[in-house]
Amino acid sequence: MGDIQGCLACLEGLLERAGFNPKNDHLWAVGDLVNRGPSSLETLRFCKSLGDNFRTTLGNHDLHLLAVAQGAKAPTNKDTLQDILNAPDRHDIFEWLQHQPLLLNHGDYTLVHAGIPPQWTLAQAKSYAAEVEAALRSPTMGRLYFRHMYGNEPRLWRNDLDGTDRLRLITNYFTRMRYCDAQGALEMNNKQPPSAGPPGYLPWYAHSNRLTRDNKIVFGHWASLNGSVGGEKNLFPLDTGCVWGGRMRLMSLTTENYIHQSCSQ
């Protein structure tokens, strides 16, 4: 599944179109289950109700919800999270969401929300994701993590980064990245498609020195790509802008075929 962002009706229509059977089939998502759409609480409840048949990576909006729930960040005027924050089952939902990973593997496929920077191997990406996941699941470190999660610095990976700077940059790579330079220095302000990208930067996946070119990577986050990466191999972009009036995309990990559902349906 691509980014759902609280668009439950669209998700249900897409799953019906795909013939999804919640007793036998497994649904994996690339994050951003919530925010901006009309039904974030109901989306979380639906996904959670699938039990072991549902897995998701964490997206930036999911982490933002958890930070707001922890009191580390105030909601913005664009957020549509209040129903979740007021829900009687909110604590169970937050506990469940906070135990989701930043990176998932299924056979030859790796699922992340935004991407993997060009200078990391897949093994390194797994290791660095595990560092943030351990912090999220720690009762003490989790609060510290959310208090320091926001910010665009540091922009470039160094092996000797430590503390909250290290965790913040890992998080930004996995959940916010679109553009970076060949060394992996992030450009965090441009959300446009590559035809209008910032000078001196390329999409994270387009660098010739990217160490995961032979790995199949499934990702979301970048709605303005509209599901296209310009012929790059082994990449499966799933965010096709459902919440912005586009479509929701589902991919079969058996056939690599896409199924789409318009939000207007």
C-alpha atoms as a PDB file:
ATOM      1  CA  MET A   1       0.000   0.000   0.000  1.00  0.00           C
ATOM      2  CA  GLY A   2       1.022   3.537  -0.699  1.00  0.00           C
ATOM      3  CA  ASP A   3       0.376   6.430   1.685  1.00  0.00           C
ATOM      4  CA  ILE A   4      -3.166   6.170   3.108  1.00  0.00           C
ATOM      5  CA  GLN A   5      -3.226   9.407   5.148  1.00  0.00           C
ATOM      6  CA  GLY A   6      -6.636   8.811   6.663  1.00  0.00           C
ATOM      7  CA  CYS A   7      -8.416   8.071   3.360  1.00  0.00           C
ATOM      8  CA  LEU A   8     -10.200   4.967   4.650  1.00  0.00           C
ATOM      9  CA  ALA A   9     -13.010   4.917   2.080  1.00  0.00           C
ATOM     10  CA  CYS A  10     -10.464   4.912  -0.737  1.00  0.00           C
ATOM     11  CA  LEU A  11      -8.478   2.162   0.990  1.00  0.00           C
ATOM     12  CA  GLU A  12     -11.560  -0.009   1.411  1.00  0.00           C
ATOM     13  CA  GLY A  13     -12.515   0.494  -2.226  1.00  0.00           C
ATOM     14  CA  LEU A  14      -9.039  -0.443  -3.378  1.00  0.00           C
ATOM     15  CA  LEU A  15      -8.917  -3.569  -1.218  1.00  0.00           C
ATOM     16  CA  GLU A  16     -12.322  -4.627  -2.558  1.00  0.00           C
ATOM     17  CA  ARG A  17     -11.093  -4.098  -6.110  1.00  0.00           C
ATOM     18  CA  ALA A  18      -8.032  -6.244  -5.356  1.00  0.00           C
ATOM     19  CA  GLY A  19     -10.111  -9.028  -3.796  1.00  0.00           C
ATOM     20  CA  PHE A  20      -8.332  -8.658  -0.448  1.00  0.00           C
ATOM     21  CA  ASN A  21      -9.279 -11.355   2.071  1.00  0.00           C
ATOM     22  CA  PRO A  22      -8.289 -10.252   5.599  1.00  0.00           C
ATOM     23  CA  LYS A  23      -8.277 -13.867   6.813  1.00  0.00           C
ATOM     24  CA  ASN A  24      -5.720 -15.078   4.281  1.00  0.00           C
ATOM     25  CA  ASP A  25      -4.000 -12.084   2.664  1.00  0.00           C
ATOM     26  CA  HIS A  26      -1.315  -9.840   4.101  1.00  0.00           C
ATOM     27  CA  LEU A  27      -1.366  -6.074   3.698  1.00  0.00           C
ATOM     28  CA  TRP A  28       1.911  -4.178   4.056  1.00  0.00           C
ATOM     29  CA  ALA A  29       2.067  -0.379   3.975  1.00  0.00           C
ATOM     30  CA  VAL A  30       4.889   2.116   3.457  1.00  0.00           C
ATOM     31  CA  GLY A  31       3.730   4.504   6.176  1.00  0.00           C
ATOM     32  CA  ASP A  32       1.772   7.727   6.585  1.00  0.00           C
ATOM     33  CA  LEU A  33      -1.352   5.941   7.662  1.00  0.00           C
ATOM     34  CA  VAL A  34      -2.712   9.189   9.098  1.00  0.00           C
ATOM     35  CA  ASN A  35      -3.121  12.954   8.696  1.00  0.00           C
ATOM     36  CA  ARG A  36      -4.582  15.300   6.104  1.00  0.00           C
ATOM     37  CA  GLY A  37      -7.377  12.868   5.196  1.00  0.00           C
ATOM     38  CA  PRO A  38     -10.812  12.660   6.882  1.00  0.00           C
ATOM     39  CA  SER A  39     -10.648   9.304   8.704  1.00  0.00           C
ATOM     40  CA  SER A  40      -7.303   8.894  10.447  1.00  0.00           C
ATOM     41  CA  LEU A  41      -8.705   7.275  13.597  1.00  0.00           C
ATOM     42  CA  GLU A  42     -10.820   4.799  11.649  1.00  0.00           C
ATOM     43  CA  THR A  43      -7.850   4.002   9.396  1.00  0.00           C
ATOM     44  CA  LEU A  44      -5.673   3.134  12.390  1.00  0.00           C
ATOM     45  CA  ARG A  45      -8.407   0.999  13.918  1.00  0.00           C
ATOM     46  CA  PHE A  46      -8.914  -0.851  10.640  1.00  0.00           C
ATOM     47  CA  CYS A  47      -5.216  -1.547  10.126  1.00  0.00           C
ATOM     48  CA  LYS A  48      -4.759  -2.608  13.752  1.00  0.00           C
ATOM     49  CA  SER A  49      -7.769  -4.926  13.498  1.00  0.00           C
ATOM     50  CA  LEU A  50      -5.971  -6.973  10.813  1.00  0.00           C
ATOM     51  CA  GLY A  51      -3.568  -8.228  13.477  1.00  0.00           C
ATOM     52  CA  ASP A  52      -0.561 -10.106  12.160  1.00  0.00           C
ATOM     53  CA  ASN A  53      -1.899  -9.748   8.601  1.00  0.00           C
ATOM     54  CA  PHE A  54      -0.930  -6.068   8.588  1.00  0.00           C
ATOM     55  CA  ARG A  55       2.531  -4.475   8.812  1.00  0.00           C
ATOM     56  CA  THR A  56       3.639  -0.932   8.125  1.00  0.00           C
ATOM     57  CA  THR A  57       6.782   1.117   8.129  1.00  0.00           C
ATOM     58  CA  LEU A  58       6.572   4.420   9.981  1.00  0.00           C
ATOM     59  CA  GLY A  59       6.174   7.588   7.952  1.00  0.00           C
ATOM     60  CA  ASN A  60       6.765  11.188   8.953  1.00  0.00           C
ATOM     61  CA  HIS A  61       3.071  11.764   9.674  1.00  0.00           C
ATOM     62  CA  ASP A  62       2.885   8.671  11.882  1.00  0.00           C
ATOM     63  CA  LEU A  63       5.908   9.856  13.866  1.00  0.00           C
ATOM     64  CA  HIS A  64       4.402  13.344  14.090  1.00  0.00           C
ATOM     65  CA  LEU A  65       1.243  11.859  15.615  1.00  0.00           C
ATOM     66  CA  LEU A  66       3.315  10.002  18.210  1.00  0.00           C
ATOM     67  CA  ALA A  67       5.290  13.151  19.028  1.00  0.00           C
ATOM     68  CA  VAL A  68       2.059  15.119  19.507  1.00  0.00           C
ATOM     69  CA  ALA A  69       0.678  12.326  21.693  1.00  0.00           C
ATOM     70  CA  GLN A  70       3.839  12.493  23.825  1.00  0.00           C
ATOM     71  CA  GLY A  71       3.479  16.255  24.252  1.00  0.00           C
ATOM     72  CA  ALA A  72       6.743  16.849  22.386  1.00  0.00           C
ATOM     73  CA  LYS A  73       5.058  18.839  19.595  1.00  0.00           C
ATOM     74  CA  ALA A  74       1.863  20.841  19.275  1.00  0.00           C
ATOM     75  CA  PRO A  75      -0.542  19.962  16.446  1.00  0.00           C
ATOM     76  CA  THR A  76      -0.435  22.262  13.434  1.00  0.00           C
ATOM     77  CA  ASN A  77      -3.456  23.870  11.795  1.00  0.00           C
ATOM     78  CA  LYS A  78      -3.076  21.386   8.907  1.00  0.00           C
ATOM     79  CA  ASP A  79      -3.292  18.295  11.118  1.00  0.00           C
ATOM     80  CA  THR A  80      -6.378  16.076  11.217  1.00  0.00           C
ATOM     81  CA  LEU A  81      -5.373  14.120  14.309  1.00  0.00           C
ATOM     82  CA  GLN A  82      -7.694  15.356  17.046  1.00  0.00           C
ATOM     83  CA  ASP A  83     -10.090  12.397  16.845  1.00  0.00           C
ATOM     84  CA  ILE A  84      -7.167  10.066  17.549  1.00  0.00           C
ATOM     85  CA  LEU A  85      -5.919  12.172  20.455  1.00  0.00           C
ATOM     86  CA  ASN A  86      -9.410  12.110  22.010  1.00  0.00           C
ATOM     87  CA  ALA A  87     -10.186   8.437  21.302  1.00  0.00           C
ATOM     88  CA  PRO A  88     -10.866   6.119  24.275  1.00  0.00           C
ATOM     89  CA  ASP A  89      -8.545   3.508  22.751  1.00  0.00           C
ATOM     90  CA  ARG A  90      -5.774   6.012  21.940  1.00  0.00           C
ATOM     91  CA  HIS A  91      -3.207   4.496  24.305  1.00  0.00           C
ATOM     92  CA  ASP A  92      -3.534   1.059  22.694  1.00  0.00           C
ATOM     93  CA  ILE A  93      -3.282   2.651  19.252  1.00  0.00           C
ATOM     94  CA  PHE A  94      -0.153   4.635  20.173  1.00  0.00           C
ATOM     95  CA  GLU A  95       1.504   1.572  21.705  1.00  0.00           C
ATOM     96  CA  TRP A  96       0.773  -0.453  18.577  1.00  0.00           C
ATOM     97  CA  LEU A  97       1.975   2.279  16.219  1.00  0.00           C
ATOM     98  CA  GLN A  98       5.146   2.978  18.181  1.00  0.00           C
ATOM     99  CA  HIS A  99       6.205  -0.658  17.750  1.00  0.00           C
ATOM    100  CA  GLN A 100       6.085  -0.534  13.960  1.00  0.00           C
ATOM    101  CA  PRO A 101       9.480  -0.469  12.164  1.00  0.00           C
ATOM    102  CA  LEU A 102      11.198   2.016   9.871  1.00  0.00           C
ATOM    103  CA  LEU A 103      12.175  -0.740   7.424  1.00  0.00           C
ATOM    104  CA  LEU A 104      10.504  -3.992   6.415  1.00  0.00           C
ATOM    105  CA  ASN A 105      11.759  -6.899   4.325  1.00  0.00           C
ATOM    106  CA  HIS A 106       9.661  -9.355   2.373  1.00  0.00           C
ATOM    107  CA  GLY A 107      11.686 -11.756   0.236  1.00  0.00           C
ATOM    108  CA  ASP A 108      13.645  -9.646  -2.244  1.00  0.00           C
ATOM    109  CA  TYR A 109      11.715  -6.477  -1.382  1.00  0.00           C
ATOM    110  CA  THR A 110      12.600  -3.768   1.113  1.00  0.00           C
ATOM    111  CA  LEU A 111       9.872  -1.368   2.225  1.00  0.00           C
ATOM    112  CA  VAL A 112      10.648   2.103   3.571  1.00  0.00           C
ATOM    113  CA  HIS A 113       8.624   5.295   3.719  1.00  0.00           C
ATOM    114  CA  ALA A 114      10.849   7.802   1.893  1.00  0.00           C
ATOM    115  CA  GLY A 115      13.997   5.990   0.739  1.00  0.00           C
ATOM    116  CA  ILE A 116      17.539   4.881   1.501  1.00  0.00           C
ATOM    117  CA  PRO A 117      20.391   7.378   0.962  1.00  0.00           C
ATOM    118  CA  PRO A 118      22.912   6.545  -1.765  1.00  0.00           C
ATOM    119  CA  GLN A 119      25.868   5.982   0.573  1.00  0.00           C
ATOM    120  CA  TRP A 120      24.200   3.200   2.618  1.00  0.00           C
ATOM    121  CA  THR A 121      24.151  -0.473   1.767  1.00  0.00           C
ATOM    122  CA  LEU A 122      20.984  -2.402   2.542  1.00  0.00           C
ATOM    123  CA  ALA A 123      22.714  -4.023   5.520  1.00  0.00           C
ATOM    124  CA  GLN A 124      23.644  -0.603   6.885  1.00  0.00           C
ATOM    125  CA  ALA A 125      20.101   0.670   6.359  1.00  0.00           C
ATOM    126  CA  LYS A 126      18.718  -2.252   8.369  1.00  0.00           C
ATOM    127  CA  SER A 127      21.179  -1.617  11.167  1.00  0.00           C
ATOM    128  CA  TYR A 128      20.487   2.119  11.355  1.00  0.00           C
ATOM    129  CA  ALA A 129      16.717   1.578  11.241  1.00  0.00           C
ATOM    130  CA  ALA A 130      17.061  -0.791  14.200  1.00  0.00           C
ATOM    131  CA  GLU A 131      18.757   1.970  16.212  1.00  0.00           C
ATOM    132  CA  VAL A 132      15.745   4.259  15.872  1.00  0.00           C
ATOM    133  CA  GLU A 133      13.313   1.394  16.469  1.00  0.00           C
ATOM    134  CA  ALA A 134      15.086   0.544  19.733  1.00  0.00           C
ATOM    135  CA  ALA A 135      14.849   4.176  20.843  1.00  0.00           C
ATOM    136  CA  LEU A 136      11.142   4.308  19.974  1.00  0.00           C
ATOM    137  CA  ARG A 137      10.427   1.211  22.050  1.00  0.00           C
ATOM    138  CA  SER A 138      12.360   2.405  25.089  1.00  0.00           C
ATOM    139  CA  PRO A 139      10.114   4.065  27.731  1.00  0.00           C
ATOM    140  CA  THR A 140      12.856   6.564  28.624  1.00  0.00           C
ATOM    141  CA  MET A 141      14.638   7.046  25.295  1.00  0.00           C
ATOM    142  CA  GLY A 142      11.339   7.353  23.415  1.00  0.00           C
ATOM    143  CA  ARG A 143      10.467  10.640  25.126  1.00  0.00           C
ATOM    144  CA  LEU A 144      13.934  12.026  24.468  1.00  0.00           C
ATOM    145  CA  TYR A 145      13.756  10.913  20.842  1.00  0.00           C
ATOM    146  CA  PHE A 146      10.489  12.756  20.162  1.00  0.00           C
ATOM    147  CA  ARG A 147      11.682  15.941  21.885  1.00  0.00           C
ATOM    148  CA  HIS A 148      14.657  16.067  19.513  1.00  0.00           C
ATOM    149  CA  MET A 149      13.154  14.473  16.382  1.00  0.00           C
ATOM    150  CA  TYR A 150      12.335  17.693  14.502  1.00  0.00           C
ATOM    151  CA  GLY A 151      14.927  19.617  12.507  1.00  0.00           C
ATOM    152  CA  ASN A 152      16.935  19.515   9.275  1.00  0.00           C
ATOM    153  CA  GLU A 153      20.422  19.243  10.784  1.00  0.00           C
ATOM    154  CA  PRO A 154      22.682  17.417  10.443  1.00  0.00           C
ATOM    155  CA  ARG A 155      22.180  16.987   6.698  1.00  0.00           C
ATOM    156  CA  LEU A 156      25.023  14.548   5.941  1.00  0.00           C
ATOM    157  CA  TRP A 157      25.758  11.141   7.435  1.00  0.00           C
ATOM    158  CA  ARG A 158      28.928  10.483   9.394  1.00  0.00           C
ATOM    159  CA  ASN A 159      29.645   7.207  11.134  1.00  0.00           C
ATOM    160  CA  ASP A 160      30.706   9.058  14.276  1.00  0.00           C
ATOM    161  CA  LEU A 161      27.398  10.883  14.702  1.00  0.00           C
ATOM    162  CA  ASP A 162      25.865  10.024  18.042  1.00  0.00           C
ATOM    163  CA  GLY A 163      22.977  10.815  20.354  1.00  0.00           C
ATOM    164  CA  THR A 164      19.872  12.574  19.136  1.00  0.00           C
ATOM    165  CA  ASP A 165      21.661  14.066  16.100  1.00  0.00           C
ATOM    166  CA  ARG A 166      22.307  10.543  14.823  1.00  0.00           C
ATOM    167  CA  LEU A 167      18.724   9.419  15.434  1.00  0.00           C
ATOM    168  CA  ARG A 168      17.294  12.565  13.818  1.00  0.00           C
ATOM    169  CA  LEU A 169      19.292  12.130  10.625  1.00  0.00           C
ATOM    170  CA  ILE A 170      18.443   8.429  10.347  1.00  0.00           C
ATOM    171  CA  THR A 171      14.786   9.375  10.780  1.00  0.00           C
ATOM    172  CA  ASN A 172      14.999  12.109   8.148  1.00  0.00           C
ATOM    173  CA  TYR A 173      16.574   9.737   5.625  1.00  0.00           C
ATOM    174  CA  PHE A 174      13.907   7.101   6.123  1.00  0.00           C
ATOM    175  CA  THR A 175      10.834   9.328   6.464  1.00  0.00           C
ATOM    176  CA  ARG A 176      11.442  12.777   4.904  1.00  0.00           C
ATOM    177  CA  MET A 177      14.077  12.438   2.177  1.00  0.00           C
ATOM    178  CA  ARG A 178      13.420  13.353  -1.443  1.00  0.00           C
ATOM    179  CA  TYR A 179      16.528  15.092  -2.755  1.00  0.00           C
ATOM    180  CA  CYS A 180      20.159  14.699  -1.758  1.00  0.00           C
ATOM    181  CA  ASP A 181      23.584  15.095  -3.326  1.00  0.00           C
ATOM    182  CA  ALA A 182      25.866  12.215  -4.308  1.00  0.00           C
ATOM    183  CA  GLN A 183      27.327  12.050  -0.800  1.00  0.00           C
ATOM    184  CA  GLY A 184      23.861  11.922   0.772  1.00  0.00           C
ATOM    185  CA  ALA A 185      23.595  15.532   2.014  1.00  0.00           C
ATOM    186  CA  LEU A 186      19.869  16.265   2.249  1.00  0.00           C
ATOM    187  CA  GLU A 187      17.904  19.074   0.616  1.00  0.00           C
ATOM    188  CA  MET A 188      14.729  19.199   2.691  1.00  0.00           C
ATOM    189  CA  ASN A 189      12.669  22.026   1.202  1.00  0.00           C
ATOM    190  CA  ASN A 190      11.818  20.935  -2.344  1.00  0.00           C
ATOM    191  CA  LYS A 191       8.809  18.646  -2.835  1.00  0.00           C
ATOM    192  CA  GLN A 192       8.533  19.109  -6.596  1.00  0.00           C
ATOM    193  CA  PRO A 193       9.019  16.341  -9.183  1.00  0.00           C
ATOM    194  CA  PRO A 194      12.535  15.855 -10.576  1.00  0.00           C
ATOM    195  CA  SER A 195      11.832  18.133 -13.542  1.00  0.00           C
ATOM    196  CA  ALA A 196      11.695  21.031 -11.071  1.00  0.00           C
ATOM    197  CA  GLY A 197      14.258  19.795  -8.561  1.00  0.00           C
ATOM    198  CA  PRO A 198      16.830  21.979  -6.770  1.00  0.00           C
ATOM    199  CA  PRO A 199      20.139  22.688  -8.562  1.00  0.00           C
ATOM    200  CA  GLY A 200      22.987  20.465  -7.427  1.00  0.00           C
ATOM    201  CA  TYR A 201      20.724  17.718  -6.102  1.00  0.00           C
ATOM    202  CA  LEU A 202      19.072  14.609  -7.512  1.00  0.00           C
ATOM    203  CA  PRO A 203      16.321  12.342  -6.245  1.00  0.00           C
ATOM    204  CA  TRP A 204      17.863   9.993  -3.672  1.00  0.00           C
ATOM    205  CA  TYR A 205      17.373   7.035  -6.029  1.00  0.00           C
ATOM    206  CA  ALA A 206      18.939   8.656  -9.129  1.00  0.00           C
ATOM    207  CA  HIS A 207      22.594   8.823  -8.049  1.00  0.00           C
ATOM    208  CA  SER A 208      24.834   6.528 -10.065  1.00  0.00           C
ATOM    209  CA  ASN A 209      26.835   5.651  -6.941  1.00  0.00           C
ATOM    210  CA  ARG A 210      23.776   4.457  -4.979  1.00  0.00           C
ATOM    211  CA  LEU A 211      24.719   1.253  -3.178  1.00  0.00           C
ATOM    212  CA  THR A 212      21.207  -0.249  -3.230  1.00  0.00           C
ATOM    213  CA  ARG A 213      20.742  -0.222  -7.020  1.00  0.00           C
ATOM    214  CA  ASP A 214      20.540  -4.028  -7.091  1.00  0.00           C
ATOM    215  CA  ASN A 215      17.940  -4.149  -4.304  1.00  0.00           C
ATOM    216  CA  LYS A 216      14.192  -3.905  -4.867  1.00  0.00           C
ATOM    217  CA  ILE A 217      12.939  -0.938  -2.871  1.00  0.00           C
ATOM    218  CA  VAL A 218       9.265  -0.125  -2.291  1.00  0.00           C
ATOM    219  CA  PHE A 219       8.597   3.399  -1.012  1.00  0.00           C
ATOM    220  CA  GLY A 220       6.015   6.162  -0.675  1.00  0.00           C
ATOM    221  CA  HIS A 221       6.149   9.755   0.608  1.00  0.00           C
ATOM    222  CA  TRP A 222       6.760  11.587  -2.700  1.00  0.00           C
ATOM    223  CA  ALA A 223       3.318  12.295  -4.148  1.00  0.00           C
ATOM    224  CA  SER A 224       4.560  14.598  -6.919  1.00  0.00           C
ATOM    225  CA  LEU A 225       6.397  11.674  -8.546  1.00  0.00           C
ATOM    226  CA  ASN A 226       2.906  10.399  -9.403  1.00  0.00           C
ATOM    227  CA  GLY A 227       4.207   6.847  -9.232  1.00  0.00           C
ATOM    228  CA  SER A 228       7.007   7.262 -11.781  1.00  0.00           C
ATOM    229  CA  VAL A 229      10.789   7.165 -11.320  1.00  0.00           C
ATOM    230  CA  GLY A 230      11.791   7.742 -14.932  1.00  0.00           C
ATOM    231  CA  GLY A 231      12.739   4.189 -15.850  1.00  0.00           C
ATOM    232  CA  GLU A 232      14.937   3.492 -12.808  1.00  0.00           C
ATOM    233  CA  LYS A 233      15.093  -0.250 -12.125  1.00  0.00           C
ATOM    234  CA  ASN A 234      14.170  -2.072  -8.913  1.00  0.00           C
ATOM    235  CA  LEU A 235      12.103   0.838  -7.580  1.00  0.00           C
ATOM    236  CA  PHE A 236       8.396   0.750  -6.781  1.00  0.00           C
ATOM    237  CA  PRO A 237       6.928   4.182  -5.861  1.00  0.00           C
ATOM    238  CA  LEU A 238       3.539   3.806  -4.195  1.00  0.00           C
ATOM    239  CA  ASP A 239       2.478   7.339  -3.224  1.00  0.00           C
ATOM    240  CA  THR A 240       0.264   8.541  -6.058  1.00  0.00           C
ATOM    241  CA  GLY A 241      -1.312  11.449  -4.173  1.00  0.00           C
ATOM    242  CA  CYS A 242      -4.596   9.985  -3.002  1.00  0.00           C
ATOM    243  CA  VAL A 243      -5.107  12.608  -0.284  1.00  0.00           C
ATOM    244  CA  TRP A 244      -4.435  15.394  -2.809  1.00  0.00           C
ATOM    245  CA  GLY A 245      -7.103  14.211  -5.234  1.00  0.00           C
ATOM    246  CA  GLY A 246      -4.988  11.601  -7.021  1.00  0.00           C
ATOM    247  CA  ARG A 247      -5.153   7.835  -6.716  1.00  0.00           C
ATOM    248  CA  MET A 248      -4.269   5.255  -4.111  1.00  0.00           C
ATOM    249  CA  ARG A 249      -1.871   2.553  -5.300  1.00  0.00           C
ATOM    250  CA  LEU A 250      -1.541  -1.063  -4.246  1.00  0.00           C
ATOM    251  CA  MET A 251       1.187  -3.386  -5.516  1.00  0.00           C
ATOM    252  CA  SER A 252       1.229  -7.161  -5.573  1.00  0.00           C
ATOM    253  CA  LEU A 253       4.545  -8.456  -4.251  1.00  0.00           C
ATOM    254  CA  THR A 254       3.870 -11.640  -6.212  1.00  0.00           C
ATOM    255  CA  THR A 255       3.393 -10.112  -9.669  1.00  0.00           C
ATOM    256  CA  GLU A 256       4.685  -6.515  -9.245  1.00  0.00           C
ATOM    257  CA  ASN A 257       1.417  -5.328 -10.803  1.00  0.00           C
ATOM    258  CA  TYR A 258      -0.268  -2.143  -9.586  1.00  0.00           C
ATOM    259  CA  ILE A 259      -3.945  -1.583  -8.824  1.00  0.00           C
ATOM    260  CA  HIS A 260      -5.325   1.947  -8.384  1.00  0.00           C
ATOM    261  CA  GLN A 261      -8.352   3.572  -6.808  1.00  0.00           C
ATOM    262  CA  SER A 262      -9.420   7.148  -7.309  1.00  0.00           C
ATOM    263  CA  CYS A 263     -10.425   9.038  -4.165  1.00  0.00           C
ATOM    264  CA  SER A 264     -13.483  10.256  -5.986  1.00  0.00           C
ATOM    265  CA  GLN A 265     -14.888   6.707  -6.145  1.00  0.00           C
END
